[in-house]
C-alpha cells in the first residue's frame, strides 16, 4: 500500500516537473538529462523511505509490547 502511494505520487511529480522542464528554453538533451536526474532523486527518496519503514517494523517486532 505504501509503495503504491509513493509510486503514484512520484509518477505525478515527475509528470509535473517534466511539464516545467518542457517550458524551459533548453535543448532536448538538457531536458532529458534534467528529467533523469529528477527520477534518480525520487528513486533514492523512495528507497530511503522503504528502509525507514523496514527499520520501524524490525523495532516493532523486537519490542515486548503487543
Protein backbone atom coordinates (compact mmCIF):
# COMPACT_ATOMS: atom_id res chain seq x y z
CA UNK A 1 0.00 0.00 0.00
CA UNK A 2 2.76 2.45 0.94
CA UNK A 3 4.61 1.54 -2.23
CA UNK A 4 1.58 2.34 -4.34
CA UNK A 5 1.16 5.70 -2.64
CA UNK A 6 4.81 6.61 -3.11
CA UNK A 7 4.95 5.36 -6.66
CA UNK A 8 1.74 7.11 -7.66
CA UNK A 9 2.84 10.35 -6.07
CA UNK A 10 6.26 10.08 -7.63
CA UNK A 11 4.77 9.48 -11.08
CA UNK A 12 2.59 12.56 -10.78
CA UNK A 13 5.55 14.60 -9.53
CA UNK A 14 7.69 13.51 -12.48
CA UNK A 15 4.92 14.49 -14.92
CA UNK A 16 4.58 17.91 -13.30
CA UNK A 17 8.30 18.53 -13.23
CA UNK A 18 8.53 17.30 -16.82
CA UNK A 19 5.96 19.90 -17.81
CA UNK A 20 8.00 22.63 -16.17
CA UNK A 21 11.17 21.38 -17.84
CA UNK A 22 9.41 21.37 -21.22
CA UNK A 23 8.61 25.07 -20.77
CA UNK A 24 12.26 25.94 -20.21
CA UNK A 25 14.40 27.11 -23.09
CA UNK A 26 16.71 24.12 -23.19
CA UNK A 27 17.74 21.54 -25.73
CA UNK A 28 16.16 18.10 -25.84
CA UNK A 29 19.36 16.62 -24.40
CA UNK A 30 19.32 19.04 -21.47
CA UNK A 31 15.66 18.30 -20.78
CA UNK A 32 16.32 14.55 -20.82
CA UNK A 33 19.31 14.93 -18.50
CA UNK A 34 17.27 17.01 -16.05
CA UNK A 35 14.38 14.54 -16.10
CA UNK A 36 16.72 11.59 -15.49
CA UNK A 37 18.35 13.39 -12.57
CA UNK A 38 14.95 14.11 -11.01
CA UNK A 39 13.89 10.47 -11.46
CA UNK A 40 17.11 9.33 -9.76
CA UNK A 41 16.46 11.67 -6.84
CA UNK A 42 12.91 10.37 -6.43
CA UNK A 43 14.04 6.75 -6.59
CA UNK A 44 16.63 7.46 -3.90
CA UNK A 45 13.97 9.08 -1.74
CA UNK A 46 11.60 6.13 -2.16
CA UNK A 47 14.38 3.67 -1.30
CA UNK A 48 15.19 5.61 1.85
CA UNK A 49 11.52 5.69 2.87
CA UNK A 50 11.26 1.92 2.43
CA UNK A 51 14.41 1.43 4.51
CA UNK A 52 12.90 3.52 7.31
CA UNK A 53 9.67 1.51 7.22
CA UNK A 54 11.65 -1.71 7.43
CA UNK A 55 13.60 -0.41 10.41
CA UNK A 56 10.37 0.53 12.19
CA UNK A 57 8.99 -2.95 11.53
CA UNK A 58 12.16 -4.50 12.96
CA UNK A 59 11.91 -2.39 16.09
CA UNK A 60 8.22 -3.28 16.48
CA UNK A 61 8.98 -6.98 16.14
CA UNK A 62 11.70 -6.76 18.79
CA UNK A 63 9.56 -4.91 21.32
CA UNK A 64 7.85 -6.66 24.24
CA UNK A 65 4.62 -4.77 23.69
CA UNK A 66 1.67 -6.43 21.98
